[in-house]
Amino acid sequence: MLRCGAPRLFRLTTTACAAAVLVLAGCATPSGPGEPDQIVLADGQELGNYNPVSGYGELGVSPLYEGLYRPRSTTDAAVPDLVPALAIARPEPVGPRRWRVALRDGVRFSDGSVFDSADVVATYAAVKDPDVASEISTHVAPIVNLTADGSNAVVVETTTAADVTPFLLLGILPSEKIESKPAAEWSVNTQPVGTGPYRLDSLRPDQAVMVARDDYWGTPAQVRRIVYTYTPDDNVRAQRIVAGEVDGVNLPPKLIDSIDSGTVRTVAAQSADWRGVALPAGNPFTADPRARLAMNFGVDRDAAVRDVLAGHGRPASTPIAAVYGSAFNPDAQFDFDLTKAGTILDQAGWRPGPQGVREKDGAKASFELLYNAQDSLRRDLSVAFAAAMKPLGVEVRPRGTSWDEIDTRFGDCAVLLGGGSTPYSIDSQVYDTLHTRVPDSSPYSNPGDFTARNLDGLLERARDSAPGAEKDRLYRDIQAAYVAEPSYVFLAFLHHTYGYRDLGWKQAQPILEPHSHGVSWGPWWDVAAWTR
């Protein structure tokens, strides 16, 4: 479960363009577009925080770092394959829930040090170390032990029989760069050292420059220089690409079509990045499972995609999208049915009050819906949801605020949340979102702590199952159980939208994206593979 614009892991875009604030007025990019082997990208997120232990590049997509495996695909319509990067082959089973991973030889970090098993062990140990306070520790929770097997292999022990590769995408640091203090204070946040095809050449609040490594173990990148500029205002980013000041931008769905022209092209990448309303347990109305069911029938998701996302998205009834193939249950969806929603509320005892707001036993069908005030898309979805609930006699009061306040209000306020940070594992995509909260859960994992009957057991069986028909059946059953007693009102899966100038490169096709996005994704997710 992710939040957007937060000072922690939970950001809308990858922290790949992640250090401080640029005052845009009167500023010019010192390194502009037009140089043949350089691209200039404007992103809305601050620059810096290049620490894989904090979640930077945790899905194997980063110019600076590599994991044992990386995603590979030629389409965004399916979950990508996970192929060896620092590993040389798929994990080899060596016992119950134990795998041996052979490592690539002859790899050096950008500081010249040699990569080996000790670096893998140290990186994963740091993520799990409470003193490091990694925000992604729960993302690798199925790994209970990771040990060296000589210098060129590691053995991974897990709690499940599921495919282990989705948990082995995390960028690897040199063991010497691991520090025994909170990850937010590590030197690699601003002085990264990885095995990736690029190294950080310079960093300042308004600009980060990455240059291709000539000593990279793979084929050196033809795009020799990537310049990231911090441009927080959506409209300014749009103006900059139209004016030719930058070569690529990420933009909200409603703004992307405004830049499509003869010189600027646009692309929308499918994602497993959902938006939905998390409902509080401390409100009598939202705590009623029949009320939650009624609200799910009372929202027109197709209209939200059309009007709020400008068509750049898909309706979402659960956190499982159709890209999961046979694990997706097409029957476990909420149709828009205002009459049915009203009948459910009537039968549950929520009757229209004197001012049009339903009441029951002195409680009103009314709640506040908080959203991150800096996020225009969450604002628009919150307003649209409130408008959809009004004909039902449900009063929703949207209010923009900071994540600092939202973090303290999950008990009594609804929140417009996003999720899907690790979609290359269906287990990770679903478990924390729908399961009853467990120790060390993120505050954004099932905030209301609502769980349908028998759902926890199904989730645990599915996570424990090896890939195959039985696992897919369990996930179809999970969706059926969820829609019978929902805990959220999921609204949509986003398509992430980007604009770029055609500079004559043969670009990588976008792949299915996670919650995190920005100009480290879209056309640029594998910029090191671009060719002329």
Protein backbone atom coordinates (compact mmCIF):
# COMPACT_ATOMS: atom_id res chain seq x y z
CA MET A 1 0.00 0.00 0.00
CA LEU A 2 1.62 3.22 -1.05
CA ARG A 3 1.24 6.87 -0.47
CA CYS A 4 2.37 9.58 -2.85
CA GLY A 5 4.64 12.53 -2.23
CA ALA A 6 5.83 11.23 1.13
CA PRO A 7 9.33 11.73 2.50
CA ARG A 8 9.68 7.95 2.82
CA LEU A 9 9.45 5.11 0.32
CA PHE A 10 5.85 5.85 -0.51
CA ARG A 11 6.20 8.12 -3.53
CA LEU A 12 4.21 8.19 -6.71
CA THR A 13 7.34 8.05 -8.87
CA THR A 14 10.50 6.05 -8.45
CA THR A 15 13.11 7.75 -6.42
CA ALA A 16 15.37 7.13 -9.39
CA CYS A 17 15.12 10.81 -9.94
CA ALA A 18 15.15 11.31 -6.42
CA ALA A 19 17.84 15.41 -3.42
CA ALA A 20 16.27 18.81 -2.91
CA VAL A 21 14.14 21.56 -4.31
CA LEU A 22 14.72 23.66 -7.39
CA VAL A 23 13.27 27.14 -7.60
CA LEU A 24 12.16 27.13 -11.20
CA ALA A 25 11.66 30.81 -11.89
CA GLY A 26 14.25 32.08 -14.33
CA CYS A 27 16.23 28.83 -14.27
CA ALA A 28 17.77 27.26 -17.33
CA THR A 29 19.01 23.71 -17.60
CA PRO A 30 22.82 23.89 -17.72
CA SER A 31 22.98 20.87 -20.02
CA GLY A 32 20.28 21.14 -22.65
CA PRO A 33 18.96 18.72 -25.25
CA GLY A 34 20.33 18.42 -28.74
CA GLU A 35 23.63 16.71 -27.99
CA PRO A 36 23.63 13.48 -30.02
CA ASP A 37 24.42 11.02 -27.23
CA GLN A 38 22.53 12.74 -24.40
CA ILE A 39 18.91 12.92 -23.25
CA VAL A 40 17.45 15.45 -20.82
CA LEU A 41 14.47 14.36 -18.73
CA ALA A 42 12.26 16.49 -16.48
CA ASP A 43 10.66 14.75 -13.52
CA GLY A 44 8.35 15.95 -10.76
CA GLN A 45 10.20 14.25 -7.93
CA GLU A 46 13.22 15.47 -6.00
CA LEU A 47 16.64 14.14 -6.93
CA GLY A 48 18.76 11.88 -4.76
CA ASN A 49 17.92 9.09 -2.33
CA TYR A 50 19.72 6.57 -4.54
CA ASN A 51 19.72 3.86 -1.90
CA PRO A 52 18.37 0.44 -2.94
CA VAL A 53 17.92 -0.51 0.73
CA SER A 54 15.35 2.32 0.91
CA GLY A 55 13.59 1.03 -2.20
CA TYR A 56 15.34 2.84 -5.04
CA GLY A 57 15.19 0.60 -8.10
CA GLU A 58 13.75 -2.28 -6.07
CA LEU A 59 12.19 -3.91 -9.15
CA GLY A 60 15.45 -4.22 -11.05
CA VAL A 61 14.89 -1.04 -13.08
CA SER A 62 17.64 1.51 -12.49
CA PRO A 63 20.51 3.02 -14.47
CA LEU A 64 22.78 2.71 -11.39
CA TYR A 65 22.05 -0.66 -9.84
CA GLU A 66 21.24 -4.22 -10.78
CA GLY A 67 19.62 -7.06 -8.89
CA LEU A 68 20.11 -10.76 -9.31
CA TYR A 69 17.24 -10.66 -11.82
CA ARG A 70 15.61 -7.99 -13.95
CA PRO A 71 12.30 -7.66 -15.82
CA ARG A 72 12.17 -8.25 -19.57
CA SER A 73 9.19 -7.77 -21.85
CA THR A 74 8.15 -6.29 -25.17
CA THR A 75 4.66 -5.36 -23.94
CA ASP A 76 2.93 -3.66 -21.04
CA ALA A 77 -0.08 -5.99 -21.33
CA ALA A 78 1.41 -8.83 -19.28
CA VAL A 79 3.58 -9.36 -16.24
CA PRO A 80 7.19 -9.32 -17.53
CA ASP A 81 9.53 -12.26 -17.43
CA LEU A 82 12.25 -12.05 -14.79
CA VAL A 83 15.61 -12.91 -16.32
CA PRO A 84 19.15 -13.16 -14.92
CA ALA A 85 21.12 -9.96 -14.37
CA LEU A 86 23.78 -10.47 -11.68
CA ALA A 87 22.68 -14.11 -11.55
CA ILE A 88 23.63 -16.37 -14.44
CA ALA A 89 20.58 -18.65 -14.44
CA ARG A 90 17.24 -19.21 -12.76
CA PRO A 91 17.29 -20.27 -9.10
CA GLU A 92 18.10 -23.96 -8.70
CA PRO A 93 16.00 -25.85 -6.10
CA VAL A 94 18.30 -27.46 -3.52
CA GLY A 95 15.78 -28.46 -0.87
CA PRO A 96 12.36 -27.64 0.52
CA ARG A 97 11.94 -23.90 0.01
CA ARG A 98 15.67 -23.49 -0.65
CA TRP A 99 17.23 -22.24 -3.88
CA ARG A 100 20.82 -21.80 -5.02
CA VAL A 101 21.56 -18.80 -7.23
CA ALA A 102 24.82 -18.80 -9.17
CA LEU A 103 26.31 -15.33 -9.63
CA ARG A 104 27.91 -13.66 -12.59
CA ASP A 105 31.70 -13.47 -12.56
CA GLY A 106 33.81 -10.52 -13.68
CA VAL A 107 31.39 -7.80 -12.49
CA ARG A 108 32.69 -4.61 -10.91
CA PHE A 109 30.91 -1.84 -9.08
CA SER A 110 31.21 1.73 -10.29
CA ASP A 111 33.91 2.36 -7.66
CA GLY A 112 36.04 -0.46 -9.10
CA SER A 113 35.39 -3.01 -6.35
CA VAL A 114 34.57 -6.60 -7.32
CA PHE A 115 31.04 -7.99 -6.98
CA ASP A 116 30.59 -11.29 -5.14
CA SER A 117 28.21 -13.17 -2.85
CA ALA A 118 29.18 -11.12 0.22
CA ASP A 119 27.59 -8.05 -1.39
CA VAL A 120 24.29 -9.86 -1.96
CA VAL A 121 24.22 -11.20 1.60
CA ALA A 122 25.04 -7.78 3.09
CA THR A 123 22.41 -5.94 1.04
CA TYR A 124 19.57 -8.28 1.98
CA ALA A 125 20.66 -8.44 5.61
CA ALA A 126 20.52 -4.63 5.73
CA VAL A 127 16.96 -4.57 4.41
CA LYS A 128 15.90 -6.87 7.24
CA ASP A 129 17.96 -5.12 9.96
CA PRO A 130 15.61 -3.17 12.29
CA ASP A 131 18.37 -0.62 12.95
CA VAL A 132 18.46 0.23 9.24
CA ALA A 133 14.69 0.93 9.27
CA SER A 134 14.23 -0.03 5.62
CA GLU A 135 10.81 0.89 4.28
CA ILE A 136 10.80 -2.21 2.05
CA SER A 137 11.55 -4.85 4.68
CA THR A 138 8.08 -6.37 4.30
CA HIS A 139 8.58 -6.61 0.53
CA VAL A 140 11.24 -9.30 1.04
CA ALA A 141 9.57 -10.89 4.08
CA PRO A 142 9.30 -14.34 2.42
CA ILE A 143 13.12 -14.54 2.43
CA VAL A 144 14.02 -15.89 5.87
CA ASN A 145 17.69 -16.54 5.19
CA LEU A 146 20.18 -15.66 2.48
CA THR A 147 23.72 -17.03 2.80
CA ALA A 148 26.84 -17.25 0.69
CA ASP A 149 27.75 -20.52 -1.00
CA GLY A 150 31.31 -19.63 -1.86
CA SER A 151 32.07 -16.32 -3.53
CA ASN A 152 30.00 -16.97 -6.67
CA ALA A 153 26.65 -18.21 -5.36
CA VAL A 154 24.05 -17.62 -2.66
CA VAL A 155 21.43 -19.89 -1.09
CA VAL A 156 18.01 -18.41 -0.48
CA GLU A 157 15.57 -19.88 2.04
CA THR A 158 11.95 -18.75 1.99
CA THR A 159 8.72 -19.24 3.90
CA THR A 160 6.78 -20.17 0.75
CA ALA A 161 6.94 -22.42 -2.27
CA ALA A 162 6.21 -19.47 -4.55
CA ASP A 163 8.60 -18.29 -7.26
CA VAL A 164 11.53 -16.66 -5.47
CA THR A 165 12.74 -14.48 -8.37
CA PRO A 166 10.36 -11.52 -7.72
CA PHE A 167 12.09 -11.07 -4.35
CA LEU A 168 15.56 -11.00 -5.95
CA LEU A 169 15.26 -7.81 -8.02
CA LEU A 170 16.69 -5.47 -5.39
CA GLY A 171 19.77 -3.48 -6.45
CA ILE A 172 22.95 -4.78 -4.83
CA LEU A 173 25.37 -2.54 -2.94
CA PRO A 174 29.02 -3.26 -2.15
CA SER A 175 29.19 -4.76 1.34
CA GLU A 176 31.59 -1.94 2.29
CA LYS A 177 28.84 0.62 1.68
CA ILE A 178 26.40 -0.98 4.14
CA GLU A 179 26.07 1.18 7.26
CA SER A 180 24.75 0.31 10.73
CA LYS A 181 22.34 3.23 10.96
CA PRO A 182 19.02 4.24 9.36
CA ALA A 183 19.17 3.94 5.59
CA ALA A 184 18.02 7.55 5.20
CA GLU A 185 21.42 8.63 6.57
CA TRP A 186 23.65 6.46 4.35
CA SER A 187 26.22 8.03 2.05
CA VAL A 188 24.92 6.10 -0.99
CA ASN A 189 21.81 8.27 -0.99
CA THR A 190 23.88 10.93 -2.73
CA GLN A 191 27.01 8.92 -3.65
CA PRO A 192 25.60 5.72 -5.14
CA VAL A 193 27.79 2.74 -6.03
CA GLY A 194 26.23 0.02 -8.14
CA THR A 195 26.92 -2.48 -10.91
CA GLY A 196 24.55 -0.79 -13.39
CA PRO A 197 25.43 0.65 -16.82
CA TYR A 198 25.63 4.24 -15.52
CA ARG A 199 27.33 6.05 -12.66
CA LEU A 200 26.33 9.31 -11.02
CA ASP A 201 28.58 12.06 -12.35
CA SER A 202 27.11 15.04 -10.49
CA LEU A 203 24.19 15.88 -8.24
CA ARG A 204 22.70 19.16 -7.10
CA PRO A 205 19.18 20.21 -6.10
CA ASP A 206 18.03 20.98 -9.64
CA GLN A 207 20.00 18.44 -11.69
CA ALA A 208 21.50 14.96 -11.62
CA VAL A 209 23.82 13.78 -14.38
CA MET A 210 24.51 10.10 -15.05
CA VAL A 211 27.16 8.96 -17.51
CA ALA A 212 27.64 5.59 -19.17
CA ARG A 213 30.33 3.33 -17.73
CA ASP A 214 33.03 2.10 -20.07
CA ASP A 215 33.89 -0.64 -17.55
CA TYR A 216 30.35 -2.03 -17.41
CA TRP A 217 30.30 -5.85 -17.57
CA GLY A 218 27.67 -5.81 -20.34
CA THR A 219 27.43 -3.84 -23.57
CA PRO A 220 28.22 -0.17 -22.88
CA ALA A 221 25.23 2.15 -23.31
CA GLN A 222 24.99 4.20 -26.51
CA VAL A 223 23.11 6.95 -24.68
CA ARG A 224 26.22 8.25 -22.98
CA ARG A 225 24.70 10.87 -20.72
CA ILE A 226 21.33 11.24 -18.96
CA VAL A 227 20.46 14.59 -17.40
CA TYR A 228 17.58 14.60 -14.89
CA THR A 229 16.09 17.95 -13.96
CA TYR A 230 13.80 18.53 -11.00
CA THR A 231 10.66 20.23 -12.33
CA PRO A 232 7.87 19.80 -9.76
CA ASP A 233 5.10 21.73 -11.51
CA ASP A 234 3.11 19.66 -14.02
CA ASN A 235 2.38 22.61 -16.30
CA VAL A 236 6.00 23.74 -16.32
CA ARG A 237 7.13 20.26 -17.38
CA ALA A 238 4.61 20.34 -20.21
CA GLN A 239 5.82 23.79 -21.30
CA ARG A 240 9.47 22.74 -21.19
CA ILE A 241 9.07 19.80 -23.53
CA VAL A 242 6.93 21.80 -25.96
CA ALA A 243 9.60 24.53 -25.96
CA GLY A 244 12.34 21.99 -26.65
CA GLU A 245 14.12 22.49 -23.32
CA VAL A 246 13.89 18.82 -22.38
CA ASP A 247 13.55 15.53 -24.24
CA GLY A 248 11.12 13.70 -21.98
CA VAL A 249 8.58 14.23 -19.18
CA ASN A 250 6.01 12.39 -17.11
CA LEU A 251 2.64 14.14 -16.89
CA PRO A 252 -0.83 13.53 -15.39
CA PRO A 253 -3.39 11.92 -17.73
CA LYS A 254 -5.43 15.09 -18.25
CA LEU A 255 -2.37 17.06 -19.34
CA ILE A 256 -0.63 14.55 -21.57
CA ASP A 257 -2.77 15.10 -24.68
CA SER A 258 -2.03 18.83 -24.63
CA ILE A 259 1.61 18.25 -25.65
CA ASP A 260 1.02 15.73 -28.46
CA SER A 261 2.39 17.36 -31.60
CA GLY A 262 4.60 16.83 -34.60
CA THR A 263 7.73 17.12 -32.48
CA VAL A 264 6.50 15.64 -29.19
CA ARG A 265 5.05 12.18 -28.96
CA THR A 266 3.10 10.65 -26.10
CA VAL A 267 2.79 7.15 -24.70
CA ALA A 268 0.65 5.58 -21.97
CA ALA A 269 2.05 2.52 -20.19
CA GLN A 270 -0.26 0.06 -18.48
CA SER A 271 0.41 -0.50 -14.81
CA ALA A 272 -0.73 -2.49 -11.79
CA ASP A 273 -0.81 0.86 -9.95
CA TRP A 274 -4.25 1.19 -8.38
CA ARG A 275 -6.11 4.03 -6.73
CA GLY A 276 -8.84 3.40 -4.21
CA VAL A 277 -10.57 4.57 -1.06
CA ALA A 278 -9.33 2.96 2.16
CA LEU A 279 -12.10 3.05 4.74
CA PRO A 280 -11.74 3.54 8.52
CA ALA A 281 -12.85 1.14 11.26
CA GLY A 282 -13.61 4.02 13.62
CA ASN A 283 -16.58 5.34 11.65
CA PRO A 284 -19.91 3.52 12.26
CA PHE A 285 -20.92 3.73 8.60
CA THR A 286 -17.69 2.56 6.97
CA ALA A 287 -17.28 -0.14 9.64
CA ASP A 288 -20.53 -1.72 8.41
CA PRO A 289 -19.69 -4.38 5.77
CA ARG A 290 -23.04 -3.80 4.05
CA ALA A 291 -22.24 -0.10 3.70
CA ARG A 292 -18.88 -0.93 2.13
CA LEU A 293 -20.61 -3.28 -0.30
CA ALA A 294 -23.17 -0.63 -1.23
CA MET A 295 -20.51 2.00 -1.90
CA ASN A 296 -18.77 -0.40 -4.29
CA PHE A 297 -21.96 -0.76 -6.34
CA GLY A 298 -22.62 2.97 -6.12
CA VAL A 299 -19.53 4.23 -7.96
CA ASP A 300 -19.29 4.36 -11.76
CA ARG A 301 -15.69 3.30 -12.39
CA ASP A 302 -15.99 3.64 -16.17
CA ALA A 303 -16.97 7.29 -15.68
CA ALA A 304 -13.99 7.84 -13.36
CA VAL A 305 -11.61 6.45 -15.99
CA ARG A 306 -13.24 8.53 -18.72
CA ASP A 307 -13.61 11.82 -16.87
CA VAL A 308 -10.78 11.86 -14.33
CA LEU A 309 -8.14 9.80 -16.12
CA ALA A 310 -9.05 11.04 -19.62
CA GLY A 311 -9.31 7.38 -20.63
CA HIS A 312 -5.80 6.52 -19.45
CA GLY A 313 -6.70 3.68 -17.11
CA ARG A 314 -8.94 0.68 -16.43
CA PRO A 315 -11.67 0.17 -13.85
CA ALA A 316 -10.55 -1.67 -10.69
CA SER A 317 -12.80 -3.66 -8.37
CA THR A 318 -9.93 -5.54 -6.66
CA PRO A 319 -6.13 -5.10 -6.62
CA ILE A 320 -5.77 -7.88 -9.22
CA ALA A 321 -5.74 -6.66 -12.82
CA ALA A 322 -6.45 -8.61 -16.00
CA VAL A 323 -2.69 -8.69 -16.74
CA TYR A 324 -2.46 -11.59 -14.28
CA GLY A 325 -4.08 -13.84 -16.87
CA SER A 326 -5.79 -16.95 -15.54
CA ALA A 327 -5.40 -15.69 -11.95
CA PHE A 328 -7.78 -12.83 -12.80
CA ASN A 329 -11.47 -13.44 -12.07
CA PRO A 330 -13.60 -11.53 -14.61
CA ASP A 331 -16.75 -12.35 -12.62
CA ALA A 332 -15.46 -10.78 -9.40
CA GLN A 333 -16.20 -7.21 -10.48
CA PHE A 334 -18.62 -4.54 -9.28
CA ASP A 335 -21.10 -3.29 -11.85
CA PHE A 336 -22.43 0.23 -11.40
CA ASP A 337 -25.92 -0.23 -9.95
CA LEU A 338 -27.24 2.70 -7.94
CA THR A 339 -30.58 1.00 -7.28
CA LYS A 340 -28.89 -2.08 -5.87
CA ALA A 341 -26.61 0.07 -3.73
CA GLY A 342 -29.60 1.90 -2.26
CA THR A 343 -31.45 -1.35 -1.55
CA ILE A 344 -28.44 -2.75 0.31
CA LEU A 345 -28.31 0.35 2.51
CA ASP A 346 -32.04 0.23 3.15
CA GLN A 347 -31.85 -3.41 4.19
CA ALA A 348 -28.87 -2.66 6.44
CA GLY A 349 -30.94 -0.05 8.28
CA TRP A 350 -29.29 3.05 6.82
CA ARG A 351 -32.33 5.16 6.00
CA PRO A 352 -32.52 8.68 4.50
CA GLY A 353 -32.43 11.40 7.12
CA PRO A 354 -34.09 14.82 7.11
CA GLN A 355 -31.19 16.45 5.21
CA GLY A 356 -30.73 13.67 2.66
CA VAL A 357 -27.92 11.93 4.54
CA ARG A 358 -28.68 8.39 5.65
CA GLU A 359 -28.74 7.58 9.37
CA LYS A 360 -28.84 4.52 11.61
CA ASP A 361 -29.06 4.39 15.40
CA GLY A 362 -28.06 8.05 15.62
CA ALA A 363 -25.00 7.68 13.37
CA LYS A 364 -24.80 9.37 9.97
CA ALA A 365 -23.55 7.94 6.69
CA SER A 366 -20.85 10.57 6.62
CA PHE A 367 -17.06 10.60 6.65
CA GLU A 368 -14.06 12.69 5.70
CA LEU A 369 -11.90 11.57 2.77
CA LEU A 370 -8.28 12.73 2.99
CA TYR A 371 -5.88 12.94 0.07
CA ASN A 372 -2.37 14.26 -0.45
CA ALA A 373 -2.92 17.94 -1.28
CA GLN A 374 0.04 17.98 -3.68
CA ASP A 375 -1.49 15.28 -5.89
CA SER A 376 -4.04 16.65 -8.35
CA LEU A 377 -5.08 13.20 -9.56
CA ARG A 378 -5.94 12.01 -6.04
CA ARG A 379 -7.81 15.24 -5.50
CA ASP A 380 -9.88 14.73 -8.64
CA LEU A 381 -10.63 11.10 -7.79
CA SER A 382 -11.65 12.09 -4.26
CA VAL A 383 -14.04 14.76 -5.54
CA ALA A 384 -15.48 12.33 -8.11
CA PHE A 385 -16.03 9.67 -5.44
CA ALA A 386 -17.78 12.17 -3.17
CA ALA A 387 -20.07 13.20 -6.04
CA ALA A 388 -20.87 9.53 -6.76
CA MET A 389 -21.87 8.90 -3.15
CA LYS A 390 -24.20 11.89 -2.83
CA PRO A 391 -27.17 10.32 -4.72
CA LEU A 392 -26.89 7.36 -2.34
CA GLY A 393 -27.39 9.62 0.66
CA VAL A 394 -23.77 9.20 1.73
CA GLU A 395 -21.90 12.37 2.66
CA VAL A 396 -18.21 12.28 1.75
CA ARG A 397 -16.13 15.34 2.59
CA PRO A 398 -12.87 15.42 0.56
CA ARG A 399 -9.97 17.36 2.06
CA GLY A 400 -6.40 17.78 0.89
CA THR A 401 -3.74 17.63 3.57
CA SER A 402 -0.22 16.38 4.28
CA TRP A 403 0.93 12.81 4.73
CA ASP A 404 1.99 13.77 8.25
CA GLU A 405 -1.67 14.29 9.15
CA ILE A 406 -2.94 11.36 7.09
CA ASP A 407 -0.57 9.01 8.93
CA THR A 408 -2.43 9.76 12.18
CA ARG A 409 -6.01 9.64 10.84
CA PHE A 410 -6.48 6.16 9.37
CA GLY A 411 -8.67 5.21 12.33
CA ASP A 412 -11.40 7.79 11.70
CA CYS A 413 -10.94 9.07 8.12
CA ALA A 414 -11.04 7.48 4.70
CA VAL A 415 -7.91 8.00 2.59
CA LEU A 416 -7.39 8.03 -1.19
CA LEU A 417 -4.51 5.57 -1.46
CA GLY A 418 -2.47 3.95 -4.20
CA GLY A 419 -0.82 0.56 -4.35
CA GLY A 420 0.92 -1.99 -6.49
CA SER A 421 4.56 -1.36 -5.60
CA THR A 422 5.73 -4.92 -6.36
CA PRO A 423 3.39 -6.24 -9.06
CA TYR A 424 5.81 -8.77 -10.57
CA SER A 425 4.74 -11.07 -7.74
CA ILE A 426 0.97 -11.50 -7.52
CA ASP A 427 1.50 -12.54 -3.89
CA SER A 428 3.11 -9.20 -3.07
CA GLN A 429 0.50 -7.32 -5.08
CA VAL A 430 -2.34 -8.73 -2.99
CA TYR A 431 -1.26 -10.06 0.41
CA ASP A 432 -0.52 -6.89 2.39
CA THR A 433 -3.46 -5.07 0.80
CA LEU A 434 -6.15 -7.58 1.74
CA HIS A 435 -4.81 -9.65 4.64
CA THR A 436 -5.56 -8.85 8.27
CA ARG A 437 -2.75 -6.67 9.54
CA VAL A 438 0.28 -8.52 10.88
CA PRO A 439 3.20 -7.32 13.06
CA ASP A 440 5.39 -4.79 11.21
CA SER A 441 2.68 -4.09 8.63
CA SER A 442 3.02 -0.79 6.85
CA PRO A 443 0.35 1.69 8.02
CA TYR A 444 -0.88 1.64 4.42
CA SER A 445 -1.49 -2.12 4.42
CA ASN A 446 -5.23 -2.67 4.95
CA PRO A 447 -5.58 0.42 7.20
CA GLY A 448 -9.13 -0.46 8.27
CA ASP A 449 -8.05 -4.03 9.11
CA PHE A 450 -11.24 -5.37 7.48
CA THR A 451 -11.06 -8.91 6.12
CA ALA A 452 -13.75 -11.00 4.46
CA ARG A 453 -14.60 -14.40 5.90
CA ASN A 454 -12.04 -17.08 5.04
CA LEU A 455 -9.95 -14.56 3.09
CA ASP A 456 -6.84 -14.73 5.30
CA GLY A 457 -6.64 -18.50 4.87
CA LEU A 458 -7.00 -18.24 1.09
CA LEU A 459 -4.30 -15.57 0.94
CA GLU A 460 -1.91 -17.69 2.98
CA ARG A 461 -2.55 -20.80 0.88
CA ALA A 462 -2.07 -18.85 -2.34
CA ARG A 463 1.17 -17.25 -1.19
CA ASP A 464 2.44 -20.67 -0.13
CA SER A 465 1.62 -22.26 -3.50
CA ALA A 466 4.02 -22.77 -6.38
CA PRO A 467 3.06 -21.16 -9.70
CA GLY A 468 0.45 -23.10 -11.62
CA ALA A 469 -3.23 -23.82 -12.09
CA GLU A 470 -3.94 -24.37 -8.38
CA LYS A 471 -2.39 -21.03 -7.42
CA ASP A 472 -4.41 -19.26 -10.11
CA ARG A 473 -7.61 -20.92 -8.87
CA LEU A 474 -6.89 -19.75 -5.33
CA TYR A 475 -6.49 -16.17 -6.53
CA ARG A 476 -9.79 -16.36 -8.41
CA ASP A 477 -11.39 -17.56 -5.18
CA ILE A 478 -9.72 -14.71 -3.29
CA GLN A 479 -11.32 -12.17 -5.62
CA ALA A 480 -14.74 -13.82 -5.26
CA ALA A 481 -14.43 -13.77 -1.44
CA TYR A 482 -13.31 -10.15 -1.48
CA VAL A 483 -16.15 -8.77 -3.61
CA ALA A 484 -18.68 -10.48 -1.31
CA GLU A 485 -17.36 -8.42 1.61
CA PRO A 486 -15.04 -5.65 0.38
CA SER A 487 -12.74 -3.64 2.59
CA TYR A 488 -11.96 -0.79 0.15
CA VAL A 489 -13.55 0.91 -2.80
CA PHE A 490 -10.98 0.31 -5.53
CA LEU A 491 -11.48 2.74 -8.41
CA ALA A 492 -8.95 2.33 -11.22
CA PHE A 493 -5.64 1.00 -12.45
CA LEU A 494 -3.69 3.90 -13.92
CA HIS A 495 -1.96 4.10 -17.25
CA HIS A 496 1.21 6.11 -16.66
CA THR A 497 1.54 8.85 -19.26
CA TYR A 498 4.73 10.28 -20.77
CA GLY A 499 5.84 12.70 -23.46
CA TYR A 500 9.09 12.47 -25.42
CA ARG A 501 10.89 14.02 -28.35
CA ASP A 502 11.87 11.61 -31.12
CA LEU A 503 15.66 11.88 -31.29
CA GLY A 504 16.19 8.97 -33.67
CA TRP A 505 16.78 6.30 -31.04
CA LYS A 506 15.34 2.80 -31.17
CA GLN A 507 13.69 2.90 -27.76
CA ALA A 508 12.62 0.09 -25.45
CA GLN A 509 8.90 -0.63 -25.42
CA PRO A 510 7.24 0.26 -22.08
CA ILE A 511 6.55 -2.65 -19.76
CA LEU A 512 3.93 -3.19 -17.07
CA GLU A 513 4.75 -0.59 -14.44
CA PRO A 514 4.40 -0.61 -10.66
CA HIS A 515 2.99 2.14 -8.46
CA SER A 516 6.32 3.92 -8.77
CA HIS A 517 6.90 5.63 -12.08
CA GLY A 518 8.35 8.76 -13.60
CA VAL A 519 11.12 9.26 -16.13
CA SER A 520 12.96 6.21 -14.90
CA TRP A 521 10.08 4.24 -16.41
CA GLY A 522 8.03 4.79 -19.58
CA PRO A 523 10.24 4.82 -22.70
CA TRP A 524 13.36 5.18 -20.52
CA TRP A 525 13.09 2.12 -18.26
CA ASP A 526 15.86 0.36 -20.24
CA VAL A 527 17.64 3.34 -21.76
CA ALA A 528 20.97 1.50 -21.64
CA ALA A 529 19.65 -0.81 -24.38
CA TRP A 530 18.71 2.02 -26.76
CA THR A 531 20.40 1.94 -30.14
CA ARG A 532 20.53 4.26 -33.09
